[in-house]
């Protein structure tokens, strides 16, 4: 079962760049999860790494969106 949430936002390009970074990082996390299910021995270590990167990207996006909302 797959689930996707799509949000359409209007705002400055910096926020759009941050949002795209979240999507790209999420893709990497999902790829690692797939490799874990396939039994890839190194996938768990990579998962931890890309998950941390995802969380950092998510934080940057939230801050960028918050700043854009406060400015409008």
N, C-alpha and C. Protein backbone atom coordinates (compact mmCIF):
# COMPACT_ATOMS: atom_id res chain seq x y z
N UNK A 1 0.85 -1.17 0.00
CA UNK A 1 0.00 0.00 0.00
C UNK A 1 0.89 1.24 0.00
N UNK A 2 0.57 2.18 -0.83
CA UNK A 2 1.36 3.40 -0.95
C UNK A 2 0.50 4.59 -0.57
N UNK A 3 1.13 5.57 0.02
CA UNK A 3 0.43 6.79 0.39
C UNK A 3 1.31 7.97 0.02
N UNK A 4 0.69 8.96 -0.55
CA UNK A 4 1.41 10.17 -0.94
C UNK A 4 0.59 11.36 -0.50
N UNK A 5 1.27 12.32 0.07
CA UNK A 5 0.60 13.57 0.42
C UNK A 5 1.24 14.67 -0.42
N UNK A 6 0.41 15.41 -1.10
CA UNK A 6 0.90 16.49 -1.95
C UNK A 6 0.32 17.79 -1.41
N UNK A 7 1.19 18.75 -1.23
CA UNK A 7 0.79 20.06 -0.76
C UNK A 7 1.26 21.08 -1.78
N UNK A 8 0.40 21.97 -2.15
CA UNK A 8 0.76 23.03 -3.07
C UNK A 8 0.87 24.32 -2.27
N UNK A 9 2.03 24.94 -2.36
CA UNK A 9 2.30 26.17 -1.62
C UNK A 9 2.71 27.27 -2.58
N UNK A 10 2.40 28.47 -2.21
CA UNK A 10 2.91 29.63 -2.93
C UNK A 10 3.86 30.35 -2.00
N UNK A 11 4.97 30.75 -2.53
CA UNK A 11 5.92 31.46 -1.68
C UNK A 11 7.21 31.72 -2.41
N UNK A 12 8.20 32.17 -1.66
CA UNK A 12 9.48 32.50 -2.28
C UNK A 12 10.22 31.26 -2.79
N UNK A 13 11.12 31.50 -3.71
CA UNK A 13 11.84 30.38 -4.33
C UNK A 13 12.69 29.62 -3.32
N UNK A 14 13.19 30.28 -2.28
CA UNK A 14 13.99 29.58 -1.27
C UNK A 14 13.17 28.50 -0.58
N UNK A 15 11.90 28.78 -0.36
CA UNK A 15 11.03 27.79 0.27
C UNK A 15 10.76 26.64 -0.69
N UNK A 16 10.61 26.94 -1.96
CA UNK A 16 10.42 25.88 -2.95
C UNK A 16 11.65 24.98 -3.05
N UNK A 17 12.82 25.58 -2.99
CA UNK A 17 14.07 24.80 -3.02
C UNK A 17 14.15 23.89 -1.79
N UNK A 18 13.78 24.44 -0.63
CA UNK A 18 13.80 23.65 0.60
C UNK A 18 12.78 22.51 0.53
N UNK A 19 11.61 22.77 -0.06
CA UNK A 19 10.59 21.73 -0.21
C UNK A 19 11.08 20.63 -1.14
N UNK A 20 11.73 21.00 -2.23
CA UNK A 20 12.27 20.00 -3.16
C UNK A 20 13.34 19.16 -2.48
N UNK A 21 14.14 19.77 -1.63
CA UNK A 21 15.17 19.03 -0.89
C UNK A 21 14.54 17.98 0.02
N UNK A 22 13.40 18.31 0.62
CA UNK A 22 12.69 17.34 1.45
C UNK A 22 12.22 16.16 0.59
N UNK A 23 11.66 16.45 -0.56
CA UNK A 23 11.21 15.37 -1.45
C UNK A 23 12.37 14.49 -1.89
N UNK A 24 13.48 15.10 -2.26
CA UNK A 24 14.65 14.33 -2.68
C UNK A 24 15.19 13.46 -1.55
N UNK A 25 15.23 14.02 -0.35
CA UNK A 25 15.72 13.27 0.80
C UNK A 25 14.78 12.12 1.15
N UNK A 26 13.47 12.36 1.02
CA UNK A 26 12.49 11.30 1.29
C UNK A 26 12.66 10.14 0.31
N UNK A 27 12.96 10.47 -0.93
CA UNK A 27 13.19 9.43 -1.93
C UNK A 27 14.38 8.55 -1.53
N UNK A 28 15.45 9.17 -1.04
CA UNK A 28 16.62 8.41 -0.61
C UNK A 28 16.29 7.51 0.58
N UNK A 29 15.50 8.03 1.52
CA UNK A 29 15.09 7.22 2.67
C UNK A 29 14.28 6.01 2.20
N UNK A 30 13.34 6.25 1.29
CA UNK A 30 12.51 5.15 0.79
C UNK A 30 13.34 4.11 0.03
N UNK A 31 14.33 4.56 -0.71
CA UNK A 31 15.21 3.61 -1.40
C UNK A 31 15.95 2.73 -0.40
N UNK A 32 16.44 3.34 0.68
CA UNK A 32 17.14 2.57 1.71
C UNK A 32 16.21 1.55 2.36
N UNK A 33 14.97 1.96 2.61
CA UNK A 33 14.01 1.02 3.18
C UNK A 33 13.81 -0.17 2.25
N UNK A 34 13.74 0.10 0.95
CA UNK A 34 13.60 -0.98 -0.02
C UNK A 34 14.80 -1.92 0.06
N UNK A 35 15.98 -1.36 0.13
CA UNK A 35 17.19 -2.18 0.20
C UNK A 35 17.24 -2.99 1.50
N UNK A 36 16.72 -2.43 2.59
CA UNK A 36 16.64 -3.19 3.83
C UNK A 36 15.75 -4.41 3.65
N UNK A 37 14.60 -4.21 3.00
CA UNK A 37 13.69 -5.34 2.79
C UNK A 37 14.28 -6.39 1.86
N UNK A 38 15.23 -5.96 1.01
CA UNK A 38 15.89 -6.90 0.10
C UNK A 38 17.07 -7.62 0.75
N UNK A 39 17.37 -7.27 2.00
CA UNK A 39 18.45 -7.94 2.71
C UNK A 39 19.83 -7.36 2.49
N UNK A 40 19.91 -6.16 1.95
CA UNK A 40 21.21 -5.50 1.75
C UNK A 40 21.86 -5.25 3.11
N UNK A 41 23.04 -5.79 3.31
CA UNK A 41 23.72 -5.74 4.60
C UNK A 41 24.07 -4.32 5.03
N UNK A 42 24.38 -3.45 4.10
CA UNK A 42 24.79 -2.07 4.43
C UNK A 42 23.62 -1.09 4.46
N UNK A 43 22.45 -1.55 4.11
CA UNK A 43 21.32 -0.64 3.97
C UNK A 43 20.92 0.01 5.29
N UNK A 44 21.01 -0.71 6.40
CA UNK A 44 20.60 -0.13 7.68
C UNK A 44 21.48 1.06 8.05
N UNK A 45 22.78 0.94 7.85
CA UNK A 45 23.69 2.06 8.15
C UNK A 45 23.39 3.24 7.23
N UNK A 46 23.15 2.97 5.97
CA UNK A 46 22.81 4.05 5.03
C UNK A 46 21.47 4.68 5.40
N UNK A 47 20.53 3.86 5.85
CA UNK A 47 19.23 4.38 6.24
C UNK A 47 19.37 5.41 7.36
N UNK A 48 20.14 5.07 8.37
CA UNK A 48 20.33 6.00 9.48
C UNK A 48 20.91 7.32 9.00
N UNK A 49 21.84 7.24 8.07
CA UNK A 49 22.48 8.44 7.52
C UNK A 49 21.50 9.30 6.72
N UNK A 50 20.76 8.67 5.81
CA UNK A 50 19.84 9.44 4.97
C UNK A 50 18.62 9.92 5.75
N UNK A 51 18.24 9.19 6.79
CA UNK A 51 17.14 9.64 7.64
C UNK A 51 17.52 10.93 8.36
N UNK A 52 18.74 11.00 8.86
CA UNK A 52 19.21 12.22 9.51
C UNK A 52 19.24 13.39 8.52
N UNK A 53 19.68 13.12 7.30
CA UNK A 53 19.69 14.17 6.27
C UNK A 53 18.26 14.62 5.96
N UNK A 54 17.33 13.67 5.90
CA UNK A 54 15.93 14.00 5.66
C UNK A 54 15.40 14.92 6.76
N UNK A 55 15.69 14.59 8.00
CA UNK A 55 15.20 15.39 9.12
C UNK A 55 15.79 16.80 9.10
N UNK A 56 17.05 16.91 8.70
CA UNK A 56 17.66 18.24 8.57
C UNK A 56 16.97 19.04 7.46
N UNK A 57 16.72 18.40 6.33
CA UNK A 57 16.03 19.08 5.23
C UNK A 57 14.62 19.51 5.65
N UNK A 58 13.97 18.65 6.37
CA UNK A 58 12.61 18.96 6.84
C UNK A 58 12.65 20.18 7.77
N UNK A 59 13.62 20.22 8.66
CA UNK A 59 13.76 21.36 9.56
C UNK A 59 14.01 22.65 8.81
N UNK A 60 14.89 22.59 7.79
CA UNK A 60 15.17 23.79 6.99
C UNK A 60 13.91 24.26 6.25
N UNK A 61 13.14 23.30 5.73
CA UNK A 61 11.90 23.66 5.04
C UNK A 61 10.92 24.34 6.00
N UNK A 62 10.74 23.77 7.17
CA UNK A 62 9.80 24.34 8.14
C UNK A 62 10.22 25.77 8.50
N UNK A 63 11.50 25.97 8.73
CA UNK A 63 11.98 27.31 9.06
C UNK A 63 11.76 28.28 7.90
N UNK A 64 12.04 27.82 6.68
CA UNK A 64 11.86 28.67 5.50
C UNK A 64 10.38 29.01 5.32
N UNK A 65 9.51 28.03 5.48
CA UNK A 65 8.07 28.26 5.34
C UNK A 65 7.57 29.20 6.43
N UNK A 66 8.05 29.00 7.64
CA UNK A 66 7.65 29.86 8.76
C UNK A 66 8.06 31.32 8.48
N UNK A 67 9.28 31.49 8.03
CA UNK A 67 9.76 32.84 7.72
C UNK A 67 8.92 33.48 6.63
N UNK A 68 8.58 32.70 5.60
CA UNK A 68 7.77 33.22 4.51
C UNK A 68 6.36 33.59 5.00
N UNK A 69 5.81 32.78 5.88
CA UNK A 69 4.47 33.06 6.41
C UNK A 69 4.49 34.33 7.26
N UNK A 70 5.52 34.49 8.06
CA UNK A 70 5.61 35.66 8.93
C UNK A 70 5.81 36.94 8.12
N UNK A 71 6.48 36.82 6.96
CA UNK A 71 6.76 37.98 6.12
C UNK A 71 5.52 38.43 5.33
N UNK A 72 4.55 37.54 5.17
CA UNK A 72 3.39 37.90 4.35
C UNK A 72 2.27 38.50 5.14
